Amino acid sequence: MQYAAHAEFVAPARQQAALWRLATGLVLVTAVYVLGIGVIFGLLVAVAGFDGATTWMARMATAETPTATLLVLSTFVGMGLGPILAARLLHRRKLATLFGPWARLLRHFVIAALVCALLNGLTALIPSGLVPVANLQPGLWAAFLPLALVSILVQTGAEEILFRGYIQTQLAARFASPLVWMVLPSALFAILHFQPGVMGDNAWIVVGAVFLFALCAADLTARTGTIGAAWGFHFANNAVAILFLALDGPLSGLALYTLPMDSVPAADLRPMLVTGMGVTLAIWLVIRFATRPRFSVS
C-alpha cells in the first residue's frame, strides 16, 4: 500500500499534520457547508419571498422535481469550498495539493468516467426483474441535461476533494497504515449515506455498497496520486444513478427513468444492490489497470 504517487500526493500535508488541525478543519468544513445552505436559502428568499423559500426548501428535502434536485446539488459548493479553506488556513496547503497533478488528473478522470459509463451501460442490459417507469419527458430531460451534468460534476468533485483530497491525505501524513487513511474516511463517507427512512431494511446494505465504493476510490487515489480516477468513477456512477435510472424518491427529479421502490419488497431490491457491488469491483479493477503507471525502458 506504499505507493510512490501517494507519497508525493501526501507530502504537502506533512508540513502541518497535527490531528487537532484536521479536527478543526472538519469543523470549518461543516460550518462552510451550512453557511452555503444558508446562502441558497437567502437567494430563494430574495427571489420568491420567505414563504416561497420555505416551500422550495421543503421540495429540496424530497428532490423529486428537476429544479429541486439542482438546488440540492448546488449545496455541495460549500462542501467543496470548506476543505479548500481548511487546507489553506490550517495546513498552509495550496489548492493544487488537494487535486494532484492536473494533466494526470484530467487523463485519469476521462478514463475512469468512460470505463464506469461503459460497464454500467453493459450491466443495464442484464434483466433484473424490475420494470423502469418513465419519469421526465425526453425533451425536458435534455433541456436540463447540461446544467445537471455540471451540477453532478460539482457534487462529486466536492466529495472527492473532502474525503480523498483532504481527509485521506491529512491522515496519511500522520499514519502509515491504510486501516487509518483508507478505512476511516471511507467509513465516514459511507455512514453519511445511511438513510433508513428512504432505504428501509436495505439501509445498511446501501451503506456497505457506499463503503465499498469509497475504498475503491481511496485505492485509486493512492495508486495514481490524484483524485482524478476517483472523481471520474464517482461522476459517471452518480450521473447514471441521478440522470438515467434513479430509485424513486429523493434525488429522482432529474432522472429519465425511475425504479418504483414503494411497490417493490425490500428483499427484491437486495439482488440488485449486491450486483451493484460486483459491478463496482469490476469497474475499480478495470480503472486500476487502465491507470497503472507506465515505465519506459531506455
Protein backbone atom coordinates (compact mmCIF):
# COMPACT_ATOMS: atom_id res chain seq x y z
CA MET A 1 0.00 0.00 0.00
CA GLN A 2 3.04 2.32 -0.04
CA TYR A 3 2.75 3.87 -3.50
CA ALA A 4 5.25 6.46 -4.73
CA ALA A 5 2.44 8.53 -6.26
CA HIS A 6 0.57 8.58 -2.97
CA ALA A 7 3.68 9.63 -1.06
CA GLU A 8 4.07 12.54 -3.48
CA PHE A 9 0.38 13.46 -3.09
CA VAL A 10 0.57 13.30 0.71
CA ALA A 11 3.85 15.25 1.02
CA PRO A 12 2.27 18.75 1.25
CA ALA A 13 0.03 17.53 4.08
CA ARG A 14 3.01 16.58 6.25
CA GLN A 15 4.00 20.20 6.91
CA GLN A 16 1.04 20.88 9.21
CA ALA A 17 -0.23 17.38 10.06
CA ALA A 18 -1.35 17.75 13.69
CA LEU A 19 -4.63 15.96 14.28
CA TRP A 20 -6.12 18.99 16.02
CA ARG A 21 -5.71 20.85 12.75
CA LEU A 22 -7.65 18.16 10.88
CA ALA A 23 -10.38 18.13 13.54
CA THR A 24 -10.63 21.92 13.38
CA GLY A 25 -10.66 21.70 9.61
CA LEU A 26 -13.64 19.35 9.67
CA VAL A 27 -15.50 21.79 11.93
CA LEU A 28 -14.70 24.54 9.42
CA VAL A 29 -15.89 22.37 6.55
CA THR A 30 -19.19 21.75 8.34
CA ALA A 31 -19.61 25.47 9.06
CA VAL A 32 -18.94 26.45 5.44
CA TYR A 33 -21.33 23.76 4.19
CA VAL A 34 -24.11 25.00 6.50
CA LEU A 35 -23.34 28.59 5.53
CA GLY A 36 -23.65 27.62 1.87
CA ILE A 37 -27.13 26.23 2.50
CA GLY A 38 -27.97 29.48 4.28
CA VAL A 39 -26.81 31.47 1.26
CA ILE A 40 -29.04 29.39 -1.02
CA PHE A 41 -31.98 29.99 1.32
CA GLY A 42 -31.21 33.72 1.28
CA LEU A 43 -31.18 33.75 -2.51
CA LEU A 44 -34.51 31.93 -2.55
CA VAL A 45 -35.95 34.49 -0.15
CA ALA A 46 -34.73 37.30 -2.44
CA VAL A 47 -36.36 35.66 -5.46
CA ALA A 48 -39.52 34.06 -4.04
CA GLY A 49 -40.03 35.66 -0.61
CA PHE A 50 -39.81 33.91 2.74
CA ASP A 51 -42.87 31.69 2.21
CA GLY A 52 -41.69 30.76 -1.27
CA ALA A 53 -38.21 29.96 0.01
CA THR A 54 -39.67 27.74 2.73
CA THR A 55 -41.69 25.92 0.09
CA TRP A 56 -38.58 25.39 -2.03
CA MET A 57 -36.63 24.06 0.95
CA ALA A 58 -39.42 21.52 1.52
CA ARG A 59 -39.18 20.49 -2.13
CA MET A 60 -35.41 20.11 -1.76
CA ALA A 61 -36.00 17.63 1.08
CA THR A 62 -37.53 15.22 -1.44
CA ALA A 63 -35.82 16.49 -4.63
CA GLU A 64 -38.43 14.89 -6.86
CA THR A 65 -38.51 17.74 -9.39
CA PRO A 66 -35.68 18.90 -11.68
CA THR A 67 -35.20 22.34 -10.10
CA ALA A 68 -35.33 21.00 -6.54
CA THR A 69 -32.72 18.37 -7.42
CA LEU A 70 -30.44 21.01 -8.94
CA LEU A 71 -30.80 23.10 -5.77
CA VAL A 72 -29.78 20.11 -3.66
CA LEU A 73 -26.73 19.51 -5.83
CA SER A 74 -25.80 23.20 -5.54
CA THR A 75 -25.43 22.84 -1.76
CA PHE A 76 -22.25 20.84 -2.40
CA VAL A 77 -20.44 24.03 -3.44
CA GLY A 78 -20.00 24.70 0.28
CA MET A 79 -18.69 21.19 0.83
CA GLY A 80 -16.03 21.81 -1.81
CA LEU A 81 -15.04 25.26 -0.54
CA GLY A 82 -14.76 24.04 3.06
CA PRO A 83 -11.72 21.76 2.65
CA ILE A 84 -10.07 24.28 0.32
CA LEU A 85 -10.27 26.91 3.07
CA ALA A 86 -9.26 24.42 5.77
CA ALA A 87 -6.24 23.25 3.78
CA ARG A 88 -5.11 26.83 3.21
CA LEU A 89 -5.79 28.31 6.65
CA LEU A 90 -4.89 25.37 8.89
CA HIS A 91 -2.34 23.38 6.88
CA ARG A 92 -0.74 26.01 4.61
CA ARG A 93 -1.58 23.90 1.60
CA LYS A 94 -2.13 25.27 -1.89
CA LEU A 95 -5.28 24.47 -3.86
CA ALA A 96 -3.48 22.14 -6.27
CA THR A 97 -2.34 19.85 -3.45
CA LEU A 98 -5.94 18.70 -2.95
CA PHE A 99 -6.19 17.58 -6.57
CA GLY A 100 -2.80 16.27 -7.65
CA PRO A 101 -1.03 16.98 -10.97
CA TRP A 102 -3.59 18.49 -13.33
CA ALA A 103 -2.62 16.69 -16.55
CA ARG A 104 -2.72 13.30 -14.82
CA LEU A 105 -5.97 14.21 -13.05
CA LEU A 106 -7.74 15.09 -16.30
CA ARG A 107 -6.44 11.99 -18.11
CA HIS A 108 -7.47 9.66 -15.31
CA PHE A 109 -10.83 11.39 -14.87
CA VAL A 110 -11.72 10.76 -18.51
CA ILE A 111 -10.51 7.14 -18.40
CA ALA A 112 -12.43 6.35 -15.22
CA ALA A 113 -15.62 8.07 -16.36
CA LEU A 114 -15.62 6.20 -19.68
CA VAL A 115 -14.93 2.84 -18.02
CA CYS A 116 -17.68 3.38 -15.46
CA ALA A 117 -20.21 4.56 -18.04
CA LEU A 118 -19.43 1.63 -20.36
CA LEU A 119 -19.65 -1.08 -17.70
CA ASN A 120 -22.78 0.44 -16.17
CA GLY A 121 -24.33 0.52 -19.63
CA LEU A 122 -23.49 -3.15 -20.22
CA THR A 123 -24.87 -4.06 -16.79
CA ALA A 124 -28.15 -2.31 -17.62
CA LEU A 125 -28.67 -4.91 -20.36
CA ILE A 126 -28.86 -7.70 -17.76
CA PRO A 127 -32.52 -8.41 -16.82
CA SER A 128 -33.19 -7.52 -13.18
CA GLY A 129 -36.90 -8.28 -12.94
CA LEU A 130 -37.62 -4.63 -12.08
CA VAL A 131 -39.51 -2.55 -14.63
CA PRO A 132 -38.33 1.08 -15.03
CA VAL A 133 -41.00 3.77 -15.12
CA ALA A 134 -40.75 6.84 -17.36
CA ASN A 135 -40.09 9.93 -15.26
CA LEU A 136 -39.20 13.08 -17.22
CA GLN A 137 -40.29 13.77 -20.77
CA PRO A 138 -37.23 13.34 -23.05
CA GLY A 139 -37.36 16.96 -24.24
CA LEU A 140 -37.47 18.35 -20.71
CA TRP A 141 -34.76 15.92 -19.62
CA ALA A 142 -32.48 17.04 -22.47
CA ALA A 143 -33.08 20.71 -21.62
CA PHE A 144 -31.89 20.15 -18.04
CA LEU A 145 -29.04 17.78 -19.01
CA PRO A 146 -26.16 20.29 -19.47
CA LEU A 147 -26.78 22.02 -16.13
CA ALA A 148 -27.39 18.67 -14.46
CA LEU A 149 -24.03 17.32 -15.65
CA VAL A 150 -22.22 20.40 -14.36
CA SER A 151 -24.06 20.09 -11.02
CA ILE A 152 -23.08 16.43 -10.65
CA LEU A 153 -19.50 17.33 -11.58
CA VAL A 154 -19.51 19.87 -8.73
CA GLN A 155 -21.21 17.50 -6.28
CA THR A 156 -18.85 14.59 -6.87
CA GLY A 157 -15.84 16.88 -7.04
CA ALA A 158 -16.71 18.40 -3.67
CA GLU A 159 -16.94 14.96 -2.07
CA GLU A 160 -13.67 13.82 -3.63
CA ILE A 161 -11.85 16.98 -2.53
CA LEU A 162 -13.10 16.50 1.03
CA PHE A 163 -12.75 12.75 1.54
CA ARG A 164 -9.83 11.82 -0.72
CA GLY A 165 -8.01 15.11 -1.32
CA TYR A 166 -8.21 16.44 2.24
CA ILE A 167 -9.10 13.84 4.89
CA GLN A 168 -7.22 10.94 3.30
CA THR A 169 -4.03 12.90 2.73
CA GLN A 170 -4.06 14.51 6.17
CA LEU A 171 -4.49 11.13 7.85
CA ALA A 172 -1.84 9.56 5.63
CA ALA A 173 0.54 12.33 6.70
CA ARG A 174 0.29 11.03 10.28
CA PHE A 175 -0.42 7.31 9.89
CA ALA A 176 1.25 4.84 7.54
CA SER A 177 -1.44 2.19 7.86
CA PRO A 178 -4.23 2.18 5.26
CA LEU A 179 -6.52 0.97 8.05
CA VAL A 180 -6.45 4.62 9.11
CA TRP A 181 -6.12 6.76 5.99
CA MET A 182 -8.19 4.48 3.74
CA VAL A 183 -10.77 2.90 6.04
CA LEU A 184 -11.66 5.82 8.32
CA PRO A 185 -12.59 8.34 5.58
CA SER A 186 -14.43 5.59 3.69
CA ALA A 187 -16.42 4.65 6.80
CA LEU A 188 -17.34 8.29 7.40
CA PHE A 189 -18.34 8.68 3.75
CA ALA A 190 -20.50 5.55 3.97
CA ILE A 191 -22.25 6.35 7.25
CA LEU A 192 -23.29 9.75 5.88
CA HIS A 193 -25.31 7.79 3.30
CA PHE A 194 -27.32 5.95 5.99
CA GLN A 195 -30.96 6.67 5.11
CA PRO A 196 -33.32 4.23 6.84
CA GLY A 197 -36.29 6.46 6.06
CA VAL A 198 -35.58 6.08 2.34
CA MET A 199 -33.98 2.64 2.01
CA GLY A 200 -35.82 0.88 4.85
CA ASP A 201 -34.46 -2.59 5.63
CA ASN A 202 -31.82 -2.17 2.94
CA ALA A 203 -30.26 0.93 4.53
CA TRP A 204 -27.22 -0.90 5.91
CA ILE A 205 -26.69 -2.77 2.64
CA VAL A 206 -26.55 0.60 0.89
CA VAL A 207 -24.03 1.78 3.49
CA GLY A 208 -21.94 -1.30 2.72
CA ALA A 209 -22.12 -0.61 -1.01
CA VAL A 210 -21.07 3.01 -0.49
CA PHE A 211 -18.23 1.88 1.80
CA LEU A 212 -17.00 -0.48 -0.91
CA PHE A 213 -17.05 2.33 -3.47
CA ALA A 214 -15.19 4.64 -1.07
CA LEU A 215 -12.47 2.03 -0.51
CA CYS A 216 -12.07 1.68 -4.27
CA ALA A 217 -11.87 5.47 -4.67
CA ALA A 218 -9.28 5.69 -1.88
CA ASP A 219 -7.17 2.98 -3.51
CA LEU A 220 -7.33 4.68 -6.92
CA THR A 221 -6.27 7.96 -5.32
CA ALA A 222 -3.36 6.24 -3.57
CA ARG A 223 -2.17 4.46 -6.71
CA THR A 224 -2.43 7.45 -9.04
CA GLY A 225 -1.53 10.36 -6.74
CA THR A 226 -4.55 12.45 -7.83
CA ILE A 227 -8.30 12.45 -7.23
CA GLY A 228 -8.88 12.21 -10.99
CA ALA A 229 -9.68 8.50 -11.27
CA ALA A 230 -11.86 8.50 -8.16
CA TRP A 231 -13.65 11.64 -9.35
CA GLY A 232 -14.30 10.24 -12.83
CA PHE A 233 -15.59 6.98 -11.32
CA HIS A 234 -17.79 8.92 -8.89
CA PHE A 235 -19.06 11.33 -11.56
CA ALA A 236 -20.10 8.66 -14.06
CA ASN A 237 -21.63 6.49 -11.36
CA ASN A 238 -23.75 9.37 -10.00
CA ALA A 239 -24.66 10.57 -13.48
CA VAL A 240 -26.15 7.16 -14.24
CA ALA A 241 -27.94 6.95 -10.87
CA ILE A 242 -29.30 10.53 -10.95
CA LEU A 243 -29.91 11.21 -14.63
CA PHE A 244 -30.77 7.91 -16.27
CA LEU A 245 -32.17 5.35 -13.84
CA ALA A 246 -32.85 6.57 -10.32
CA LEU A 247 -34.58 4.94 -7.39
CA ASP A 248 -37.99 6.55 -6.96
CA GLY A 249 -37.80 9.12 -4.15
CA PRO A 250 -35.15 11.68 -3.13
CA LEU A 251 -32.89 12.87 -5.96
CA SER A 252 -35.07 11.35 -8.66
CA GLY A 253 -36.15 14.70 -10.11
CA LEU A 254 -33.66 14.70 -13.00
CA ALA A 255 -33.98 11.03 -13.96
CA LEU A 256 -35.22 9.87 -17.33
CA TYR A 257 -36.49 6.66 -15.70
CA THR A 258 -37.07 5.56 -12.11
CA LEU A 259 -37.43 2.26 -10.29
CA PRO A 260 -40.55 2.32 -8.09
CA MET A 261 -39.39 1.43 -4.58
CA ASP A 262 -42.73 1.56 -2.78
CA SER A 263 -44.21 -1.24 -4.85
CA VAL A 264 -41.12 -3.48 -4.61
CA PRO A 265 -40.42 -5.50 -1.44
CA ALA A 266 -37.07 -4.69 0.19
CA ALA A 267 -35.89 -8.27 -0.35
CA ASP A 268 -36.40 -7.92 -4.10
CA LEU A 269 -34.03 -4.94 -4.22
CA ARG A 270 -31.18 -6.79 -2.50
CA PRO A 271 -30.01 -8.81 -5.52
CA MET A 272 -29.74 -5.55 -7.47
CA LEU A 273 -27.72 -3.96 -4.65
CA VAL A 274 -25.40 -6.97 -4.41
CA THR A 275 -24.97 -6.99 -8.18
CA GLY A 276 -24.13 -3.31 -7.97
CA MET A 277 -21.31 -4.11 -5.55
CA GLY A 278 -19.93 -6.62 -8.01
CA VAL A 279 -20.08 -4.03 -10.79
CA THR A 280 -18.27 -1.54 -8.54
CA LEU A 281 -15.44 -4.02 -8.04
CA ALA A 282 -15.26 -4.76 -11.76
CA ILE A 283 -15.13 -1.05 -12.63
CA TRP A 284 -12.42 -0.47 -9.99
CA LEU A 285 -10.26 -3.29 -11.38
CA VAL A 286 -10.53 -2.02 -14.95
CA ILE A 287 -9.76 1.57 -13.92
CA ARG A 288 -6.87 0.31 -11.79
CA PHE A 289 -5.41 -1.46 -14.82
CA ALA A 290 -6.08 1.42 -17.22
CA THR A 291 -4.41 4.00 -14.95
CA ARG A 292 -1.45 1.87 -13.88
CA PRO A 293 1.97 3.57 -14.01
CA ARG A 294 3.83 3.02 -17.23
CA PHE A 295 7.60 2.92 -17.33
CA SER A 296 9.75 3.41 -20.39
CA VAL A 297 12.97 1.42 -20.90
CA SER A 298 15.93 3.45 -22.15
